[in-house]
């Protein structure tokens, strides 16, 4: 049986999220290289910026990023 460090599932999840974000960013790059209308370009740019932002946040603290939310009070 594989032994894991407590919380390692969070690191794995962060890694998996980064993989999915890379796919999104690559697809955005492909779309940006095509002749799209102005509105489509805006949507692709928005998606790319959001994916880059999330990838940066995950990269800063990959094992701490995915934490369960607790109710205040």
Protein backbone atom coordinates (compact mmCIF):
# COMPACT_ATOMS: atom_id res chain seq x y z
CA UNK A 1 0.00 0.00 0.00
CA UNK A 2 1.29 3.44 -0.91
CA UNK A 3 1.89 5.77 2.01
CA UNK A 4 1.17 9.43 1.47
CA UNK A 5 2.01 12.47 3.48
CA UNK A 6 -1.10 14.05 5.04
CA UNK A 7 -2.35 16.70 2.67
CA UNK A 8 -0.57 15.24 -0.34
CA UNK A 9 -3.94 14.87 -2.06
CA UNK A 10 -4.04 18.67 -2.14
CA UNK A 11 -0.68 18.76 -3.92
CA UNK A 12 -1.93 16.21 -6.43
CA UNK A 13 -5.07 18.26 -6.99
CA UNK A 14 -3.02 21.42 -7.52
CA UNK A 15 -0.85 19.53 -10.02
CA UNK A 16 -3.94 18.27 -11.86
CA UNK A 17 -5.43 21.77 -11.93
CA UNK A 18 -2.19 23.10 -13.41
CA UNK A 19 -2.30 20.44 -16.12
CA UNK A 20 -5.85 21.46 -17.05
CA UNK A 21 -4.90 25.14 -17.01
CA UNK A 22 -2.01 24.42 -19.40
CA UNK A 23 -4.49 22.86 -21.83
CA UNK A 24 -6.70 25.93 -21.60
CA UNK A 25 -3.73 28.25 -22.15
CA UNK A 26 -2.50 26.25 -25.18
CA UNK A 27 -5.98 26.30 -26.71
CA UNK A 28 -6.19 30.06 -26.14
CA UNK A 29 -2.84 30.50 -27.87
CA UNK A 30 -4.11 28.51 -30.86
CA UNK A 31 -7.28 30.61 -31.04
CA UNK A 32 -5.34 33.87 -30.71
CA UNK A 33 -3.30 32.85 -33.75
CA UNK A 34 -6.44 32.68 -35.89
CA UNK A 35 -8.45 35.45 -37.48
CA UNK A 36 -11.31 35.83 -35.01
CA UNK A 37 -13.88 38.57 -34.74
CA UNK A 38 -13.37 41.27 -32.10
CA UNK A 39 -15.90 39.80 -29.65
CA UNK A 40 -14.33 36.32 -29.84
CA UNK A 41 -10.87 37.79 -29.29
CA UNK A 42 -12.15 39.50 -26.13
CA UNK A 43 -13.52 36.21 -24.79
CA UNK A 44 -10.29 34.32 -25.54
CA UNK A 45 -8.21 37.06 -23.89
CA UNK A 46 -10.44 36.97 -20.80
CA UNK A 47 -10.17 33.17 -20.54
CA UNK A 48 -6.39 33.30 -21.00
CA UNK A 49 -5.96 36.00 -18.34
CA UNK A 50 -8.11 34.08 -15.84
CA UNK A 51 -6.20 30.84 -16.47
CA UNK A 52 -2.82 32.60 -16.13
CA UNK A 53 -3.93 34.23 -12.88
CA UNK A 54 -5.07 30.92 -11.39
CA UNK A 55 -1.87 29.14 -12.53
CA UNK A 56 0.21 31.83 -10.83
CA UNK A 57 -1.78 31.48 -7.59
CA UNK A 58 -1.39 27.72 -7.58
CA UNK A 59 2.34 27.95 -8.37
CA UNK A 60 2.92 30.22 -5.35
CA UNK A 61 1.55 27.68 -2.84
CA UNK A 62 0.66 24.41 -4.59
CA UNK A 63 0.02 22.37 -1.45
CA UNK A 64 -1.83 25.09 0.45
CA UNK A 65 -4.01 26.34 -2.37
CA UNK A 66 -6.77 23.76 -2.15
CA UNK A 67 -8.17 24.09 1.35
CA UNK A 68 -11.65 23.26 2.53
CA UNK A 69 -13.74 26.31 3.22
CA UNK A 70 -15.02 26.71 6.74
CA UNK A 71 -18.10 28.58 7.84
CA UNK A 72 -17.43 31.66 9.92
CA UNK A 73 -19.05 31.99 13.22
